[in-house]
Amino acid sequence: MKIRRPYVVMISEVTVDGKLTLKRGMSSKIIMSVMDEEADIYLHRERARSDAIMVGCNTIKIDNSYLTVRYIEGANPIRVIPCSNADLPLDSNVLKGDAPTIIAVSEAAKEENVEHIRSMGVEVWICGERKVDLVLLLEKLFERGVKRLMLEGGPTLAWEMINKRLIDEVKLIHMPFIVGGWDTPTLFGGEGVGELNKVIHAELERYFLCGKHLITEYRVVYQ
């Protein structure tokens, strides 16, 4: 069924071997710290083009991201964090009030956790019973006026989004090194498709160099 939702663009840095970090549990900021200024500007320009930006709760716990526009002039997008249990650390940078922020939780979240977040001046939306219903969340964002949503991960949220056919484009900033690791997080996590006839296709639309980084931009094609 066609739903009214924002146009979703996923953007991420990835190594040559498709990794997001140096190892499981480590911040992706370590890899991003060696990005060229040109690539930083590209990333922040994409943020400024977006009405909202979304990352998973676990990514915030590990990276403690700001998700603001800093390398160019532009307005900060609305920060959207799906966090089913409302267990976001209260010292998280996304709760500091420097940009409008929405924390999406489930009905199962502890009321105490929800009230702590609300006490920091942050909106809390209840979307779903046991876990955040991403389709409902995107519908509510569209009603809020969000027409373009930037998705910055992590891999669990990325898989849930694409598995529900909620991602329209994927843009990658390629880091020119190899990390390896059996369980080092990759761009998409989850259970995967498992069969060739179930793969999700992506059509290359544009590629270019940005400093020392190759940028590739794909349109997602659902069969």
C-alpha atoms as a PDB file:
ATOM      1  CA  MET A   1       0.000   0.000   0.000  1.00  0.00           C
ATOM      2  CA  LYS A   2       1.280   3.441  -0.948  1.00  0.00           C
ATOM      3  CA  ILE A   3       1.843   5.561   2.140  1.00  0.00           C
ATOM      4  CA  ARG A   4       2.290   9.290   2.463  1.00  0.00           C
ATOM      5  CA  ARG A   5       5.853   9.610   3.687  1.00  0.00           C
ATOM      6  CA  PRO A   6       8.974  11.723   3.162  1.00  0.00           C
ATOM      7  CA  TYR A   7      11.412  11.026   0.356  1.00  0.00           C
ATOM      8  CA  VAL A   8      14.197   9.124   2.156  1.00  0.00           C
ATOM      9  CA  VAL A   9      17.873   9.464   1.275  1.00  0.00           C
ATOM     10  CA  MET A  10      20.332   7.261   3.138  1.00  0.00           C
ATOM     11  CA  ILE A  11      23.859   8.663   3.389  1.00  0.00           C
ATOM     12  CA  SER A  12      26.829   6.931   4.966  1.00  0.00           C
ATOM     13  CA  GLU A  13      30.575   6.620   4.915  1.00  0.00           C
ATOM     14  CA  VAL A  14      31.842   3.125   4.095  1.00  0.00           C
ATOM     15  CA  THR A  15      35.307   1.604   3.775  1.00  0.00           C
ATOM     16  CA  VAL A  16      36.489  -0.214   0.654  1.00  0.00           C
ATOM     17  CA  ASP A  17      35.227  -3.460   2.232  1.00  0.00           C
ATOM     18  CA  GLY A  18      31.867  -1.951   3.199  1.00  0.00           C
ATOM     19  CA  LYS A  19      32.484  -1.416   6.926  1.00  0.00           C
ATOM     20  CA  LEU A  20      31.081   1.426   9.028  1.00  0.00           C
ATOM     21  CA  THR A  21      33.504   1.291  11.965  1.00  0.00           C
ATOM     22  CA  LEU A  22      36.825  -0.254  12.967  1.00  0.00           C
ATOM     23  CA  LYS A  23      35.097  -2.973  15.005  1.00  0.00           C
ATOM     24  CA  ARG A  24      31.741  -3.705  16.614  1.00  0.00           C
ATOM     25  CA  GLY A  25      30.886  -1.264  19.391  1.00  0.00           C
ATOM     26  CA  MET A  26      33.325   1.412  18.226  1.00  0.00           C
ATOM     27  CA  SER A  27      32.174   4.827  17.078  1.00  0.00           C
ATOM     28  CA  SER A  28      31.968   5.577  13.371  1.00  0.00           C
ATOM     29  CA  LYS A  29      33.316   9.021  14.262  1.00  0.00           C
ATOM     30  CA  ILE A  30      36.803   7.484  14.317  1.00  0.00           C
ATOM     31  CA  ILE A  31      36.561   6.726  10.609  1.00  0.00           C
ATOM     32  CA  MET A  32      34.795  10.000   9.841  1.00  0.00           C
ATOM     33  CA  SER A  33      37.570  11.959  11.561  1.00  0.00           C
ATOM     34  CA  VAL A  34      39.867  11.335   8.578  1.00  0.00           C
ATOM     35  CA  MET A  35      37.356  12.445   5.945  1.00  0.00           C
ATOM     36  CA  ASP A  36      38.508  15.270   3.690  1.00  0.00           C
ATOM     37  CA  GLU A  37      36.965  18.699   4.234  1.00  0.00           C
ATOM     38  CA  GLU A  38      35.295  18.390   0.836  1.00  0.00           C
ATOM     39  CA  ALA A  39      33.515  15.220   1.968  1.00  0.00           C
ATOM     40  CA  ASP A  40      32.485  16.847   5.256  1.00  0.00           C
ATOM     41  CA  ILE A  41      30.993  19.734   3.293  1.00  0.00           C
ATOM     42  CA  TYR A  42      29.147  17.284   1.021  1.00  0.00           C
ATOM     43  CA  LEU A  43      27.660  15.511   4.043  1.00  0.00           C
ATOM     44  CA  HIS A  44      26.586  18.708   5.765  1.00  0.00           C
ATOM     45  CA  ARG A  45      25.156  20.142   2.550  1.00  0.00           C
ATOM     46  CA  GLU A  46      22.953  17.057   2.335  1.00  0.00           C
ATOM     47  CA  ARG A  47      21.883  17.603   5.927  1.00  0.00           C
ATOM     48  CA  ALA A  48      20.984  21.219   5.193  1.00  0.00           C
ATOM     49  CA  ARG A  49      18.878  20.089   2.194  1.00  0.00           C
ATOM     50  CA  SER A  50      16.835  17.799   4.429  1.00  0.00           C
ATOM     51  CA  ASP A  51      13.825  18.626   6.566  1.00  0.00           C
ATOM     52  CA  ALA A  52      14.781  15.925   9.088  1.00  0.00           C
ATOM     53  CA  ILE A  53      17.621  13.524   9.827  1.00  0.00           C
ATOM     54  CA  MET A  54      17.217  10.104  11.449  1.00  0.00           C
ATOM     55  CA  VAL A  55      19.603   7.671  13.137  1.00  0.00           C
ATOM     56  CA  GLY A  56      19.009   4.679  15.363  1.00  0.00           C
ATOM     57  CA  CYS A  57      19.089   4.811  19.151  1.00  0.00           C
ATOM     58  CA  ASN A  58      22.088   2.471  19.364  1.00  0.00           C
ATOM     59  CA  THR A  59      24.079   4.726  17.038  1.00  0.00           C
ATOM     60  CA  ILE A  60      23.422   7.662  19.360  1.00  0.00           C
ATOM     61  CA  LYS A  61      24.537   5.573  22.357  1.00  0.00           C
ATOM     62  CA  ILE A  62      27.832   4.717  20.634  1.00  0.00           C
ATOM     63  CA  ASP A  63      28.593   7.877  18.630  1.00  0.00           C
ATOM     64  CA  ASN A  64      26.778  10.521  20.723  1.00  0.00           C
ATOM     65  CA  SER A  65      26.214  12.443  17.482  1.00  0.00           C
ATOM     66  CA  TYR A  66      25.042  16.059  17.181  1.00  0.00           C
ATOM     67  CA  LEU A  67      23.335  15.665  13.768  1.00  0.00           C
ATOM     68  CA  THR A  68      23.568  19.402  13.109  1.00  0.00           C
ATOM     69  CA  VAL A  69      24.803  21.483  10.161  1.00  0.00           C
ATOM     70  CA  ARG A  70      28.254  22.827  10.936  1.00  0.00           C
ATOM     71  CA  TYR A  71      30.517  22.877   7.862  1.00  0.00           C
ATOM     72  CA  ILE A  72      28.237  25.147   5.810  1.00  0.00           C
ATOM     73  CA  GLU A  73      25.602  27.777   6.476  1.00  0.00           C
ATOM     74  CA  GLY A  74      22.148  26.280   6.741  1.00  0.00           C
ATOM     75  CA  ALA A  75      19.342  25.379   9.107  1.00  0.00           C
ATOM     76  CA  ASN A  76      19.567  22.297  11.291  1.00  0.00           C
ATOM     77  CA  PRO A  77      17.115  19.571  10.259  1.00  0.00           C
ATOM     78  CA  ILE A  78      14.732  18.045  12.781  1.00  0.00           C
ATOM     79  CA  ARG A  79      16.536  15.210  14.562  1.00  0.00           C
ATOM     80  CA  VAL A  80      14.501  11.997  14.682  1.00  0.00           C
ATOM     81  CA  ILE A  81      15.615   9.093  16.891  1.00  0.00           C
ATOM     82  CA  PRO A  82      13.585   5.865  16.997  1.00  0.00           C
ATOM     83  CA  CYS A  83      14.150   4.479  20.504  1.00  0.00           C
ATOM     84  CA  SER A  84      11.527   1.876  21.382  1.00  0.00           C
ATOM     85  CA  ASN A  85      12.379   1.701  25.102  1.00  0.00           C
ATOM     86  CA  ALA A  86      13.031   5.437  25.549  1.00  0.00           C
ATOM     87  CA  ASP A  87      16.365   4.476  27.116  1.00  0.00           C
ATOM     88  CA  LEU A  88      18.421   7.189  25.466  1.00  0.00           C
ATOM     89  CA  PRO A  89      21.161   8.490  27.819  1.00  0.00           C
ATOM     90  CA  LEU A  90      20.088  11.860  29.177  1.00  0.00           C
ATOM     91  CA  ASP A  91      23.507  13.371  28.463  1.00  0.00           C
ATOM     92  CA  SER A  92      23.132  12.621  24.732  1.00  0.00           C
ATOM     93  CA  ASN A  93      24.038  15.557  22.494  1.00  0.00           C
ATOM     94  CA  VAL A  94      20.749  15.240  20.610  1.00  0.00           C
ATOM     95  CA  LEU A  95      18.911  16.226  23.807  1.00  0.00           C
ATOM     96  CA  LYS A  96      20.766  19.512  24.283  1.00  0.00           C
ATOM     97  CA  GLY A  97      18.239  21.753  22.539  1.00  0.00           C
ATOM     98  CA  ASP A  98      20.412  23.103  19.713  1.00  0.00           C
ATOM     99  CA  ALA A  99      18.018  21.690  17.096  1.00  0.00           C
ATOM    100  CA  PRO A 100      14.388  20.515  17.119  1.00  0.00           C
ATOM    101  CA  THR A 101      14.329  16.859  18.153  1.00  0.00           C
ATOM    102  CA  ILE A 102      11.760  14.061  18.135  1.00  0.00           C
ATOM    103  CA  ILE A 103      12.288  10.814  20.034  1.00  0.00           C
ATOM    104  CA  ALA A 104       9.960   8.066  18.780  1.00  0.00           C
ATOM    105  CA  VAL A 105       9.134   5.420  21.397  1.00  0.00           C
ATOM    106  CA  SER A 106       6.780   2.470  21.782  1.00  0.00           C
ATOM    107  CA  GLU A 107       3.850   2.068  24.149  1.00  0.00           C
ATOM    108  CA  ALA A 108       6.021  -0.396  26.080  1.00  0.00           C
ATOM    109  CA  ALA A 109       8.562   2.283  27.043  1.00  0.00           C
ATOM    110  CA  LYS A 110       8.785   3.055  30.739  1.00  0.00           C
ATOM    111  CA  GLU A 111       6.830   6.192  31.574  1.00  0.00           C
ATOM    112  CA  GLU A 112       9.740   7.324  33.749  1.00  0.00           C
ATOM    113  CA  ASN A 113      12.085   7.242  30.756  1.00  0.00           C
ATOM    114  CA  VAL A 114       9.595   9.128  28.612  1.00  0.00           C
ATOM    115  CA  GLU A 115       9.102  11.854  31.214  1.00  0.00           C
ATOM    116  CA  HIS A 116      12.849  12.296  31.687  1.00  0.00           C
ATOM    117  CA  ILE A 117      13.231  12.939  27.954  1.00  0.00           C
ATOM    118  CA  ARG A 118      10.255  15.281  27.840  1.00  0.00           C
ATOM    119  CA  SER A 119      11.642  17.217  30.807  1.00  0.00           C
ATOM    120  CA  MET A 120      14.576  18.200  28.598  1.00  0.00           C
ATOM    121  CA  GLY A 121      12.270  20.000  26.193  1.00  0.00           C
ATOM    122  CA  VAL A 122      12.287  17.257  23.568  1.00  0.00           C
ATOM    123  CA  GLU A 123       9.208  15.955  21.765  1.00  0.00           C
ATOM    124  CA  VAL A 124       8.323  12.306  22.362  1.00  0.00           C
ATOM    125  CA  TRP A 125       6.069  10.513  19.896  1.00  0.00           C
ATOM    126  CA  ILE A 126       4.510   7.133  20.690  1.00  0.00           C
ATOM    127  CA  CYS A 127       4.599   5.059  17.502  1.00  0.00           C
ATOM    128  CA  GLY A 128       3.832   1.378  17.928  1.00  0.00           C
ATOM    129  CA  GLU A 129       3.105  -1.101  20.701  1.00  0.00           C
ATOM    130  CA  ARG A 130       6.282  -3.106  21.473  1.00  0.00           C
ATOM    131  CA  LYS A 131       8.698  -1.335  19.118  1.00  0.00           C
ATOM    132  CA  VAL A 132       8.668   1.773  16.976  1.00  0.00           C
ATOM    133  CA  ASP A 133       6.498   1.362  13.883  1.00  0.00           C
ATOM    134  CA  LEU A 134       8.646   2.998  11.202  1.00  0.00           C
ATOM    135  CA  VAL A 135       5.808   3.289   8.695  1.00  0.00           C
ATOM    136  CA  LEU A 136       3.671   5.114  11.252  1.00  0.00           C
ATOM    137  CA  LEU A 137       6.629   7.316  12.220  1.00  0.00           C
ATOM    138  CA  LEU A 138       7.230   8.360   8.609  1.00  0.00           C
ATOM    139  CA  GLU A 139       3.535   9.056   8.093  1.00  0.00           C
ATOM    140  CA  LYS A 140       3.543  11.319  11.158  1.00  0.00           C
ATOM    141  CA  LEU A 141       6.696  13.079   9.948  1.00  0.00           C
ATOM    142  CA  PHE A 142       5.056  13.712   6.581  1.00  0.00           C
ATOM    143  CA  GLU A 143       2.040  15.211   8.351  1.00  0.00           C
ATOM    144  CA  ARG A 144       4.495  17.388  10.297  1.00  0.00           C
ATOM    145  CA  GLY A 145       5.770  18.797   6.994  1.00  0.00           C
ATOM    146  CA  VAL A 146       8.881  16.644   6.529  1.00  0.00           C
ATOM    147  CA  LYS A 147       9.204  16.063   2.783  1.00  0.00           C
ATOM    148  CA  ARG A 148      12.852  14.959   2.658  1.00  0.00           C
ATOM    149  CA  LEU A 149      14.326  12.719   5.344  1.00  0.00           C
ATOM    150  CA  MET A 150      18.025  11.949   5.560  1.00  0.00           C
ATOM    151  CA  LEU A 151      18.893   8.579   7.085  1.00  0.00           C
ATOM    152  CA  GLU A 152      22.366   8.181   8.578  1.00  0.00           C
ATOM    153  CA  GLY A 153      22.023   4.667  10.012  1.00  0.00           C
ATOM    154  CA  GLY A 154      23.061   2.479  11.750  1.00  0.00           C
ATOM    155  CA  PRO A 155      22.864  -0.932  10.122  1.00  0.00           C
ATOM    156  CA  THR A 156      19.882  -2.292  12.085  1.00  0.00           C
ATOM    157  CA  LEU A 157      17.688   0.714  11.347  1.00  0.00           C
ATOM    158  CA  ALA A 158      18.932   0.810   7.745  1.00  0.00           C
ATOM    159  CA  TRP A 159      17.873  -2.807   7.187  1.00  0.00           C
ATOM    160  CA  GLU A 160      14.462  -2.278   8.781  1.00  0.00           C
ATOM    161  CA  MET A 161      13.912   0.769   6.581  1.00  0.00           C
ATOM    162  CA  ILE A 162      14.931  -0.812   3.286  1.00  0.00           C
ATOM    163  CA  ASN A 163      13.189  -4.079   4.109  1.00  0.00           C
ATOM    164  CA  LYS A 164       9.968  -2.055   4.442  1.00  0.00           C
ATOM    165  CA  ARG A 165      10.727  -0.275   1.144  1.00  0.00           C
ATOM    166  CA  LEU A 166      11.183   3.068   2.880  1.00  0.00           C
ATOM    167  CA  ILE A 167      14.497   4.159   1.314  1.00  0.00           C
ATOM    168  CA  ASP A 168      14.539   5.922  -2.069  1.00  0.00           C
ATOM    169  CA  GLU A 169      18.232   6.740  -2.529  1.00  0.00           C
ATOM    170  CA  VAL A 170      21.550   5.578  -1.088  1.00  0.00           C
ATOM    171  CA  LYS A 171      24.565   7.913  -1.201  1.00  0.00           C
ATOM    172  CA  LEU A 172      27.951   6.592  -0.111  1.00  0.00           C
ATOM    173  CA  ILE A 173      31.170   8.365   0.881  1.00  0.00           C
ATOM    174  CA  HIS A 174      33.882   5.797   0.231  1.00  0.00           C
ATOM    175  CA  MET A 175      36.796   5.755   2.670  1.00  0.00           C
ATOM    176  CA  PRO A 176      40.002   4.626   0.898  1.00  0.00           C
ATOM    177  CA  PHE A 177      41.058   1.904   3.328  1.00  0.00           C
ATOM    178  CA  ILE A 178      40.187  -1.634   4.392  1.00  0.00           C
ATOM    179  CA  VAL A 179      39.139  -2.668   7.914  1.00  0.00           C
ATOM    180  CA  GLY A 180      38.115  -6.342   7.857  1.00  0.00           C
ATOM    181  CA  GLY A 181      36.573  -8.157  10.806  1.00  0.00           C
ATOM    182  CA  TRP A 182      34.048 -10.999  10.995  1.00  0.00           C
ATOM    183  CA  ASP A 183      31.430  -8.987  12.863  1.00  0.00           C
ATOM    184  CA  THR A 184      32.410  -5.406  12.011  1.00  0.00           C
ATOM    185  CA  PRO A 185      29.149  -3.581  11.144  1.00  0.00           C
ATOM    186  CA  THR A 186      28.353  -3.100   7.473  1.00  0.00           C
ATOM    187  CA  LEU A 187      25.974  -0.681   5.781  1.00  0.00           C
ATOM    188  CA  PHE A 188      22.915  -2.899   6.203  1.00  0.00           C
ATOM    189  CA  GLY A 189      22.480  -5.375   9.036  1.00  0.00           C
ATOM    190  CA  GLY A 190      19.460  -7.527   9.787  1.00  0.00           C
ATOM    191  CA  GLU A 191      18.771 -11.006   8.524  1.00  0.00           C
ATOM    192  CA  GLY A 192      19.436 -10.169   4.883  1.00  0.00           C
ATOM    193  CA  VAL A 193      17.491 -11.389   1.840  1.00  0.00           C
ATOM    194  CA  GLY A 194      18.993 -14.893   1.721  1.00  0.00           C
ATOM    195  CA  GLU A 195      17.980 -15.561  -1.878  1.00  0.00           C
ATOM    196  CA  LEU A 196      19.124 -14.103  -5.191  1.00  0.00           C
ATOM    197  CA  ASN A 197      15.579 -13.480  -6.375  1.00  0.00           C
ATOM    198  CA  LYS A 198      14.948 -11.326  -3.299  1.00  0.00           C
ATOM    199  CA  VAL A 199      17.880  -8.921  -3.631  1.00  0.00           C
ATOM    200  CA  ILE A 200      17.100  -5.208  -3.570  1.00  0.00           C
ATOM    201  CA  HIS A 201      18.366  -3.501  -6.701  1.00  0.00           C
ATOM    202  CA  ALA A 202      20.132  -0.158  -6.871  1.00  0.00           C
ATOM    203  CA  GLU A 203      20.747   1.875 -10.031  1.00  0.00           C
ATOM    204  CA  LEU A 204      23.875   4.028 -10.101  1.00  0.00           C
ATOM    205  CA  GLU A 205      22.852   7.591 -10.885  1.00  0.00           C
ATOM    206  CA  ARG A 206      26.016   9.604 -10.264  1.00  0.00           C
ATOM    207  CA  TYR A 207      29.603   9.185  -9.127  1.00  0.00           C
ATOM    208  CA  PHE A 208      32.413  11.687  -8.605  1.00  0.00           C
ATOM    209  CA  LEU A 209      35.519  12.398  -6.576  1.00  0.00           C
ATOM    210  CA  CYS A 210      35.214  14.598  -3.512  1.00  0.00           C
ATOM    211  CA  GLY A 211      38.729  15.221  -2.218  1.00  0.00           C
ATOM    212  CA  LYS A 212      40.219  11.737  -1.917  1.00  0.00           C
ATOM    213  CA  HIS A 213      36.776  10.147  -1.583  1.00  0.00           C
ATOM    214  CA  LEU A 214      34.668   8.522  -4.246  1.00  0.00           C
ATOM    215  CA  ILE A 215      31.006   9.463  -3.881  1.00  0.00           C
ATOM    216  CA  THR A 216      28.431   7.102  -5.370  1.00  0.00           C
ATOM    217  CA  GLU A 217      24.729   7.865  -5.520  1.00  0.00           C
ATOM    218  CA  TYR A 218      22.128   5.159  -6.186  1.00  0.00           C
ATOM    219  CA  ARG A 219      18.395   5.039  -6.732  1.00  0.00           C
ATOM    220  CA  VAL A 220      16.790   2.085  -4.953  1.00  0.00           C
ATOM    221  CA  VAL A 221      14.582  -0.045  -7.214  1.00  0.00           C
ATOM    222  CA  TYR A 222      12.028  -2.315  -5.576  1.00  0.00           C
ATOM    223  CA  GLN A 223      10.774  -5.209  -7.696  1.00  0.00           C
END
